[in-house]
Structures are given as structure tokens and as C-alpha cells.
Amino acid sequence: MKRLIFSSLFAATMLSMSAAAAEWKGMISDASCGAKHADASESSKKCVQSCIKRGGAPVFISEDGKVYKIDDASKSKVMDHLGDKVTLTGSMTGDTIAVDSVS
């Protein structure tokens, strides 16, 4: 019985930790090019926009170069920021970010 209670409390704690809002700084790129366009230059921005227009998926590149997926429900929130440096607020599950806001 003690194990069941401990396991339930542990699982609830882990779920609440993954659902907490967080903030990340980086840039919006595309899944094909990923971190190649982390410089946010004008040529990088044009490439990201072109790749997305051709059906590529937007991704978030953190300041340390790690690539994160943007969940399907959040993709429209980042479309005005393709190739830009941004600050995302939201929650992360695995390597996928659910975006609440972009600035």
C-alpha cells in the first residue's frame, strides 16, 4: 500500500513539473535546416521562410543549439517569427514545445 501511495505521488509530481510554464530564448527555424540558420541573418530568414512555404515544419533552436519541435496546435503562433530570434513561453513534453506566447 505504501508503494502505491508513493508511486502515485511521484507520478503526480512528475506530471505537474512537465506541465509548468517555462521560458526559452532562441530562434524559429525549419526542420530541414535546423540550427544552420541560428544566426538570424537576412539570408537565413529567407531560407527558413522558403522551406516552410514548401511544407517544412517550424522548429525552435535554443541558444545552446538544441532543436525542439513545435507542437501542431502551436505552429500558427510562430509563423510570424520565421527566422527571428524569439522568447517562447509554454510547456515542454520530451523534445516538443507547446507554445503559449512568442515575443
C-alpha atoms as a PDB file:
ATOM      1  CA  MET A   1       0.000   0.000   0.000  1.00  0.00           C
ATOM      2  CA  LYS A   2       2.861   2.401   0.832  1.00  0.00           C
ATOM      3  CA  ARG A   3       4.430   1.718  -2.554  1.00  0.00           C
ATOM      4  CA  LEU A   4       1.173   2.504  -4.332  1.00  0.00           C
ATOM      5  CA  ILE A   5       0.806   5.810  -2.496  1.00  0.00           C
ATOM      6  CA  PHE A   6       4.457   6.741  -3.119  1.00  0.00           C
ATOM      7  CA  SER A   7       4.197   5.804  -6.799  1.00  0.00           C
ATOM      8  CA  SER A   8       1.029   7.866  -7.207  1.00  0.00           C
ATOM      9  CA  LEU A   9       2.591  10.908  -5.532  1.00  0.00           C
ATOM     10  CA  PHE A  10       5.757  10.573  -7.612  1.00  0.00           C
ATOM     11  CA  ALA A  11       3.773  10.333 -10.860  1.00  0.00           C
ATOM     12  CA  ALA A  12       1.645  13.356  -9.944  1.00  0.00           C
ATOM     13  CA  THR A  13       4.765  15.388  -9.132  1.00  0.00           C
ATOM     14  CA  MET A  14       6.431  14.491 -12.430  1.00  0.00           C
ATOM     15  CA  LEU A  15       3.311  15.375 -14.425  1.00  0.00           C
ATOM     16  CA  SER A  16       2.963  18.731 -12.720  1.00  0.00           C
ATOM     17  CA  MET A  17       6.628  19.505 -13.390  1.00  0.00           C
ATOM     18  CA  SER A  18       6.318  18.819 -17.115  1.00  0.00           C
ATOM     19  CA  ALA A  19       3.151  20.920 -17.396  1.00  0.00           C
ATOM     20  CA  ALA A  20       4.607  24.014 -15.702  1.00  0.00           C
ATOM     21  CA  ALA A  21       5.121  27.042 -17.929  1.00  0.00           C
ATOM     22  CA  ALA A  22       8.707  27.845 -18.830  1.00  0.00           C
ATOM     23  CA  GLU A  23      10.562  30.341 -20.996  1.00  0.00           C
ATOM     24  CA  TRP A  24      13.202  29.711 -23.674  1.00  0.00           C
ATOM     25  CA  LYS A  25      15.296  32.067 -25.804  1.00  0.00           C
ATOM     26  CA  GLY A  26      16.413  31.122 -29.280  1.00  0.00           C
ATOM     27  CA  MET A  27      15.089  31.321 -32.805  1.00  0.00           C
ATOM     28  CA  ILE A  28      12.489  29.830 -35.100  1.00  0.00           C
ATOM     29  CA  SER A  29      13.913  27.773 -37.958  1.00  0.00           C
ATOM     30  CA  ASP A  30      12.673  24.886 -40.089  1.00  0.00           C
ATOM     31  CA  ALA A  31      13.086  21.153 -39.600  1.00  0.00           C
ATOM     32  CA  SER A  32      15.186  20.737 -42.768  1.00  0.00           C
ATOM     33  CA  CYS A  33      17.843  23.321 -41.988  1.00  0.00           C
ATOM     34  CA  GLY A  34      17.569  23.300 -38.204  1.00  0.00           C
ATOM     35  CA  ALA A  35      20.492  25.010 -36.472  1.00  0.00           C
ATOM     36  CA  LYS A  36      22.178  26.007 -39.764  1.00  0.00           C
ATOM     37  CA  HIS A  37      20.207  29.246 -39.560  1.00  0.00           C
ATOM     38  CA  ALA A  38      20.809  30.088 -35.921  1.00  0.00           C
ATOM     39  CA  ASP A  39      22.455  33.392 -36.895  1.00  0.00           C
ATOM     40  CA  ALA A  40      19.079  35.017 -37.771  1.00  0.00           C
ATOM     41  CA  SER A  41      20.665  36.773 -40.760  1.00  0.00           C
ATOM     42  CA  GLU A  42      18.503  38.027 -43.606  1.00  0.00           C
ATOM     43  CA  SER A  43      19.604  35.140 -45.882  1.00  0.00           C
ATOM     44  CA  SER A  44      18.825  32.619 -43.131  1.00  0.00           C
ATOM     45  CA  LYS A  45      15.420  34.186 -42.578  1.00  0.00           C
ATOM     46  CA  LYS A  46      14.601  33.928 -46.312  1.00  0.00           C
ATOM     47  CA  CYS A  47      15.670  30.270 -46.392  1.00  0.00           C
ATOM     48  CA  VAL A  48      13.541  29.402 -43.350  1.00  0.00           C
ATOM     49  CA  GLN A  49      10.515  31.144 -44.860  1.00  0.00           C
ATOM     50  CA  SER A  50      11.048  29.342 -48.170  1.00  0.00           C
ATOM     51  CA  CYS A  51      11.357  25.930 -46.536  1.00  0.00           C
ATOM     52  CA  ILE A  52       8.181  26.488 -44.502  1.00  0.00           C
ATOM     53  CA  LYS A  53       6.262  27.614 -47.627  1.00  0.00           C
ATOM     54  CA  ARG A  54       7.283  24.329 -49.284  1.00  0.00           C
ATOM     55  CA  GLY A  55       5.773  22.360 -46.399  1.00  0.00           C
ATOM     56  CA  GLY A  56       8.591  22.210 -43.868  1.00  0.00           C
ATOM     57  CA  ALA A  57       7.815  22.218 -40.175  1.00  0.00           C
ATOM     58  CA  PRO A  58       8.842  25.127 -37.946  1.00  0.00           C
ATOM     59  CA  VAL A  59      11.218  24.241 -35.101  1.00  0.00           C
ATOM     60  CA  PHE A  60      12.749  26.132 -32.187  1.00  0.00           C
ATOM     61  CA  ILE A  61      16.549  26.385 -31.866  1.00  0.00           C
ATOM     62  CA  SER A  62      17.607  27.127 -28.297  1.00  0.00           C
ATOM     63  CA  GLU A  63      20.546  29.414 -27.535  1.00  0.00           C
ATOM     64  CA  ASP A  64      22.681  26.321 -26.913  1.00  0.00           C
ATOM     65  CA  GLY A  65      21.861  24.940 -30.399  1.00  0.00           C
ATOM     66  CA  LYS A  66      19.393  22.209 -29.417  1.00  0.00           C
ATOM     67  CA  VAL A  67      16.489  21.718 -31.840  1.00  0.00           C
ATOM     68  CA  TYR A  68      12.957  21.364 -30.423  1.00  0.00           C
ATOM     69  CA  LYS A  69       9.754  20.536 -32.271  1.00  0.00           C
ATOM     70  CA  ILE A  70       6.769  22.885 -32.124  1.00  0.00           C
ATOM     71  CA  ASP A  71       3.522  21.039 -31.394  1.00  0.00           C
ATOM     72  CA  ASP A  72       0.845  21.124 -34.108  1.00  0.00           C
ATOM     73  CA  ALA A  73      -1.503  23.366 -32.121  1.00  0.00           C
ATOM     74  CA  SER A  74       1.267  25.984 -31.703  1.00  0.00           C
ATOM     75  CA  LYS A  75       2.621  26.199 -35.254  1.00  0.00           C
ATOM     76  CA  SER A  76       0.368  29.119 -36.199  1.00  0.00           C
ATOM     77  CA  LYS A  77       1.742  31.096 -33.230  1.00  0.00           C
ATOM     78  CA  VAL A  78       5.305  31.071 -34.605  1.00  0.00           C
ATOM     79  CA  MET A  79       4.570  31.691 -38.299  1.00  0.00           C
ATOM     80  CA  ASP A  80       5.068  35.480 -37.997  1.00  0.00           C
ATOM     81  CA  HIS A  81       8.518  34.865 -36.464  1.00  0.00           C
ATOM     82  CA  LEU A  82      10.192  32.566 -39.016  1.00  0.00           C
ATOM     83  CA  GLY A  83      13.938  33.149 -38.920  1.00  0.00           C
ATOM     84  CA  ASP A  84      13.669  35.547 -35.969  1.00  0.00           C
ATOM     85  CA  LYS A  85      15.200  35.460 -32.512  1.00  0.00           C
ATOM     86  CA  VAL A  86      12.365  34.940 -30.035  1.00  0.00           C
ATOM     87  CA  THR A  87      11.432  34.170 -26.472  1.00  0.00           C
ATOM     88  CA  LEU A  88       8.906  31.344 -26.174  1.00  0.00           C
ATOM     89  CA  THR A  89       6.702  30.763 -23.165  1.00  0.00           C
ATOM     90  CA  GLY A  90       4.959  27.421 -22.831  1.00  0.00           C
ATOM     91  CA  SER A  91       5.460  23.853 -21.735  1.00  0.00           C
ATOM     92  CA  MET A  92       7.696  21.060 -22.968  1.00  0.00           C
ATOM     93  CA  THR A  93       6.977  17.368 -23.251  1.00  0.00           C
ATOM     94  CA  GLY A  94      10.011  15.395 -24.378  1.00  0.00           C
ATOM     95  CA  ASP A  95      11.508  17.459 -27.219  1.00  0.00           C
ATOM     96  CA  THR A  96       8.262  19.199 -28.209  1.00  0.00           C
ATOM     97  CA  ILE A  97       7.167  22.656 -27.067  1.00  0.00           C
ATOM     98  CA  ALA A  98       3.539  23.706 -26.671  1.00  0.00           C
ATOM     99  CA  VAL A  99       3.750  27.471 -27.164  1.00  0.00           C
ATOM    100  CA  ASP A 100       1.653  29.845 -25.067  1.00  0.00           C
ATOM    101  CA  SER A 101       3.247  33.061 -26.345  1.00  0.00           C
ATOM    102  CA  VAL A 102       6.028  34.350 -28.603  1.00  0.00           C
ATOM    103  CA  SER A 103       7.879  37.610 -28.129  1.00  0.00           C
END
